[in-house]
Each structure stands twice: as structure tokens, then as C-alpha cells.
């Protein structure tokens, strides 16, 4: 197991994922840089490579990427209990914010200054998504073959309209065939 904290306390798991969830707007890709900063850089619970693997798996399985990833990390560090605690930590801020928005802010959504604020938030979210792509890409696309696979998948999705799940399955299949030596198999 990676990391200086082999078995973090459940409260640590909960608080880290509450912080990640509470401090980001825009979904799983936007959360990647902050989650990596917390679980890899600050707490050293997992490695960079494991973070990318968990994010890839979090996207490949049904559900919310950040929730899936936090659950996988929680499970890795503390088993079933850790998975549940990490997932609760990731969900708690969203539940509170959604309830507050529904209760108090819904009537104000159409106001011009609120619309302008959301336009600014969307622009910042795009920057965070680009940052997540850069961080994942730097760790994942480490050879010409992997770069061709990444570009091919991107083009197949964008230009040909192929479903992303098909590209994930194809990537897994090609990876199993092409990278056996890298994994030590």
C-alpha cells in the first residue's frame, strides 16, 4: 500500500472528502486537481498512478466520477467502512448546498447579476477541467502508443460520435493486449 498514512482515521477520510466536495464547483473533472492535492500530495494515501487509475475506473462505472473515486479510495484505505465514510464525506456538502438552494435561492436564478455570476463560474470550471485533463494526461500518456490511443479515442468520440463507454472498453482491451510488460504480467 502506498502512503505514509496506511490506515487513516475514518474522521480524516470524511473530512478530506468533505473539503474536496465543498471547495469545488463543476463535477468530477473539476474535483480532480483538489482531490489529487489532498489524497496524493498532502496525505500520501495513494500514488499519482493510483489516482489516475481510480479516476479512470470512477468514470468507467455508473455514477458520479468524484463519488466513485472517493469510494474507491476509502475502500482502499479502510475497507467497506472507509468506502461508506468517504462517500458520505463527498456527498454531504452537495446535499446541504442543494437543500439551501432549493429553499432560498431558486427565485433569484433569473436575475441578470445571478446569470452573470454563473457565466463567470462556468469559465472558471472550464479552466479546472483543462487542468484535470493536463494532470491526468501527463501521468497517463507516457508513450507514442498511448498518445495515439488517446487521440484516437478523442476523435472517435468527437468526430464519429462513438459512445465514450465503447472507447473505455476498447481502451481496456487494447491496454491489456499492448501493455502487458509494463504491468509486469
Protein backbone atom coordinates (compact mmCIF):
# COMPACT_ATOMS: atom_id res chain seq x y z
CA UNK A 1 0.00 0.00 0.00
CA UNK A 2 1.18 3.47 -0.81
CA UNK A 3 1.43 6.35 1.54
CA UNK A 4 2.69 7.42 4.89
CA UNK A 5 -0.79 7.02 6.37
CA UNK A 6 -1.53 3.33 5.93
CA UNK A 7 -4.91 3.45 7.68
CA UNK A 8 -6.24 6.96 8.03
CA UNK A 9 -8.79 7.58 10.71
CA UNK A 10 -12.37 7.49 9.50
CA UNK A 11 -12.83 11.11 10.54
CA UNK A 12 -9.80 12.06 8.41
CA UNK A 13 -11.30 10.29 5.40
CA UNK A 14 -14.64 12.01 5.96
CA UNK A 15 -13.12 15.48 6.43
CA UNK A 16 -10.82 15.24 3.40
CA UNK A 17 -13.70 14.35 1.09
CA UNK A 18 -15.99 16.96 2.66
CA UNK A 19 -13.29 19.55 1.94
CA UNK A 20 -12.83 18.38 -1.66
CA UNK A 21 -16.57 18.41 -2.29
CA UNK A 22 -17.23 21.69 -0.52
CA UNK A 23 -14.44 23.62 -2.26
CA UNK A 24 -15.18 22.68 -5.87
CA UNK A 25 -17.97 23.53 -8.28
CA UNK A 26 -18.46 21.71 -11.54
CA UNK A 27 -18.27 17.97 -11.08
CA UNK A 28 -15.74 15.19 -11.11
CA UNK A 29 -13.20 16.59 -13.55
CA UNK A 30 -13.06 19.85 -11.66
CA UNK A 31 -12.56 17.97 -8.40
CA UNK A 32 -9.60 16.01 -9.73
CA UNK A 33 -6.89 18.62 -9.00
CA UNK A 34 -8.10 19.23 -5.45
CA UNK A 35 -8.68 15.53 -4.73
CA UNK A 36 -5.19 14.74 -6.03
CA UNK A 37 -3.74 17.52 -3.92
CA UNK A 38 -5.40 16.09 -0.83
CA UNK A 39 -5.07 12.31 -1.17
CA UNK A 40 -1.77 12.15 -3.07
CA UNK A 41 0.21 15.28 -2.23
CA UNK A 42 -0.96 16.18 1.30
CA UNK A 43 -1.96 12.86 2.86
CA UNK A 44 0.09 10.50 0.67
CA UNK A 45 -2.67 7.90 0.84
CA UNK A 46 -2.20 6.76 -2.77
CA UNK A 47 0.26 7.37 -5.61
CA UNK A 48 -0.23 9.60 -8.66
CA UNK A 49 -0.68 6.50 -10.80
CA UNK A 50 -3.31 5.05 -8.46
CA UNK A 51 -5.16 8.38 -8.52
CA UNK A 52 -5.35 8.30 -12.30
CA UNK A 53 -6.41 4.63 -12.23
CA UNK A 54 -9.16 5.30 -9.68
CA UNK A 55 -10.41 8.28 -11.69
CA UNK A 56 -10.46 6.18 -14.85
CA UNK A 57 -12.34 3.43 -13.06
CA UNK A 58 -14.63 6.02 -11.45
CA UNK A 59 -15.58 7.20 -14.93
CA UNK A 60 -15.95 3.72 -16.36
CA UNK A 61 -18.52 2.58 -13.78
CA UNK A 62 -22.03 4.03 -13.45
CA UNK A 63 -22.40 7.01 -11.18
CA UNK A 64 -20.71 10.27 -10.35
CA UNK A 65 -16.97 10.23 -11.07
CA UNK A 66 -15.88 12.02 -7.89
CA UNK A 67 -18.21 9.91 -5.73
CA UNK A 68 -16.98 6.69 -7.32
CA UNK A 69 -13.35 7.75 -6.94
CA UNK A 70 -13.72 8.79 -3.30
CA UNK A 71 -15.47 5.49 -2.58
CA UNK A 72 -12.64 3.53 -4.21
CA UNK A 73 -10.02 5.45 -2.22
CA UNK A 74 -11.98 4.99 1.01
CA UNK A 75 -12.24 1.27 0.30
CA UNK A 76 -8.54 1.04 -0.49
CA UNK A 77 -7.60 2.69 2.80
CA UNK A 78 -10.22 1.34 5.23
CA UNK A 79 -12.34 -1.32 3.51
CA UNK A 80 -16.14 -1.17 3.33
CA UNK A 81 -16.41 1.23 6.26
CA UNK A 82 -13.88 3.57 4.64
CA UNK A 83 -15.77 3.44 1.35
CA UNK A 84 -19.03 4.42 3.05
CA UNK A 85 -17.40 7.20 5.11
CA UNK A 86 -15.56 8.65 2.08
CA UNK A 87 -18.77 8.57 0.01
CA UNK A 88 -20.70 10.29 2.81
CA UNK A 89 -17.99 12.93 3.04
CA UNK A 90 -18.17 13.55 -0.69
CA UNK A 91 -21.99 13.74 -0.66
CA UNK A 92 -22.55 15.84 2.47
CA UNK A 93 -21.68 19.31 1.10
CA UNK A 94 -23.71 18.75 -2.07
CA UNK A 95 -26.77 17.70 -0.10
CA UNK A 96 -26.53 20.76 2.15
CA UNK A 97 -26.00 23.15 -0.77
CA UNK A 98 -28.83 21.65 -2.83
CA UNK A 99 -31.21 21.96 0.11
CA UNK A 100 -30.19 25.59 0.70
CA UNK A 101 -30.53 26.48 -2.97
CA UNK A 102 -33.91 24.82 -3.23
CA UNK A 103 -35.13 26.51 -0.07
CA UNK A 104 -33.83 30.03 -0.58
CA UNK A 105 -32.23 30.83 -3.93
CA UNK A 106 -34.45 29.39 -6.66
CA UNK A 107 -36.49 32.61 -7.10
CA UNK A 108 -33.30 34.58 -7.89
CA UNK A 109 -31.89 32.43 -10.71
CA UNK A 110 -33.33 34.62 -13.46
CA UNK A 111 -31.84 37.87 -12.14
CA UNK A 112 -29.21 39.31 -14.52
CA UNK A 113 -26.43 39.52 -11.92
CA UNK A 114 -27.01 35.86 -10.95
CA UNK A 115 -26.81 34.82 -14.63
CA UNK A 116 -23.55 36.81 -14.98
CA UNK A 117 -22.14 35.16 -11.87
CA UNK A 118 -22.90 31.73 -13.30
CA UNK A 119 -21.21 32.72 -16.59
CA UNK A 120 -18.06 33.55 -14.62
CA UNK A 121 -18.28 30.30 -12.66
CA UNK A 122 -18.64 28.31 -15.89
CA UNK A 123 -15.48 29.95 -17.28
CA UNK A 124 -13.53 29.04 -14.13
CA UNK A 125 -14.86 25.47 -14.31
CA UNK A 126 -13.55 25.13 -17.88
CA UNK A 127 -10.09 26.13 -16.63
CA UNK A 128 -10.25 23.49 -13.89
CA UNK A 129 -11.34 20.81 -16.37
CA UNK A 130 -8.39 21.70 -18.62
CA UNK A 131 -6.12 21.45 -15.57
CA UNK A 132 -7.52 17.99 -14.74
CA UNK A 133 -7.01 16.84 -18.33
CA UNK A 134 -3.43 18.12 -18.21
CA UNK A 135 -2.67 16.36 -14.92
CA UNK A 136 -4.25 13.06 -15.96
CA UNK A 137 -2.71 13.25 -19.43
CA UNK A 138 0.79 13.89 -18.09
CA UNK A 139 0.60 10.77 -15.96
CA UNK A 140 -1.26 8.57 -18.45
CA UNK A 141 0.05 9.41 -21.92
CA UNK A 142 3.67 8.40 -21.47
CA UNK A 143 4.42 6.86 -24.87
CA UNK A 144 3.62 7.36 -28.53
CA UNK A 145 1.29 4.34 -28.46
CA UNK A 146 -0.67 5.79 -25.54
CA UNK A 147 -0.82 9.19 -27.25
CA UNK A 148 -2.21 7.57 -30.41
CA UNK A 149 -4.79 5.69 -28.32
CA UNK A 150 -5.83 8.88 -26.51
CA UNK A 151 -6.09 10.91 -29.71
CA UNK A 152 -7.88 8.07 -31.50
CA UNK A 153 -10.41 7.75 -28.69
CA UNK A 154 -10.98 11.51 -28.65
CA UNK A 155 -11.52 11.63 -32.41
CA UNK A 156 -13.78 8.57 -32.36
CA UNK A 157 -15.99 10.23 -29.75
CA UNK A 158 -15.98 13.75 -31.23
CA UNK A 159 -15.81 13.12 -34.98
CA UNK A 160 -17.56 9.77 -35.27
CA UNK A 161 -19.97 10.14 -32.36
CA UNK A 162 -18.98 6.82 -30.78
CA UNK A 163 -20.13 6.33 -27.22
CA UNK A 164 -17.46 7.04 -24.54
CA UNK A 165 -18.17 3.70 -22.82
CA UNK A 166 -17.22 1.94 -26.04
CA UNK A 167 -13.91 3.82 -26.01
CA UNK A 168 -13.31 2.89 -22.37
CA UNK A 169 -13.92 -0.80 -23.13
CA UNK A 170 -11.75 -0.61 -26.26
CA UNK A 171 -9.01 1.17 -24.28
CA UNK A 172 -9.10 -1.50 -21.60
CA UNK A 173 -8.91 -4.26 -24.20
CA UNK A 174 -6.05 -2.59 -26.10
CA UNK A 175 -4.25 -1.80 -22.87
CA UNK A 176 -4.45 -5.43 -21.75
CA UNK A 177 -3.00 -6.51 -25.10
CA UNK A 178 -0.37 -3.83 -25.61
CA UNK A 179 0.93 -3.08 -22.14
CA UNK A 180 1.32 -6.50 -20.53
CA UNK A 181 5.03 -5.98 -19.95
CA UNK A 182 4.52 -2.61 -18.24
CA UNK A 183 2.19 -4.14 -15.68
CA UNK A 184 4.61 -6.99 -15.04
CA UNK A 185 2.21 -9.66 -16.34
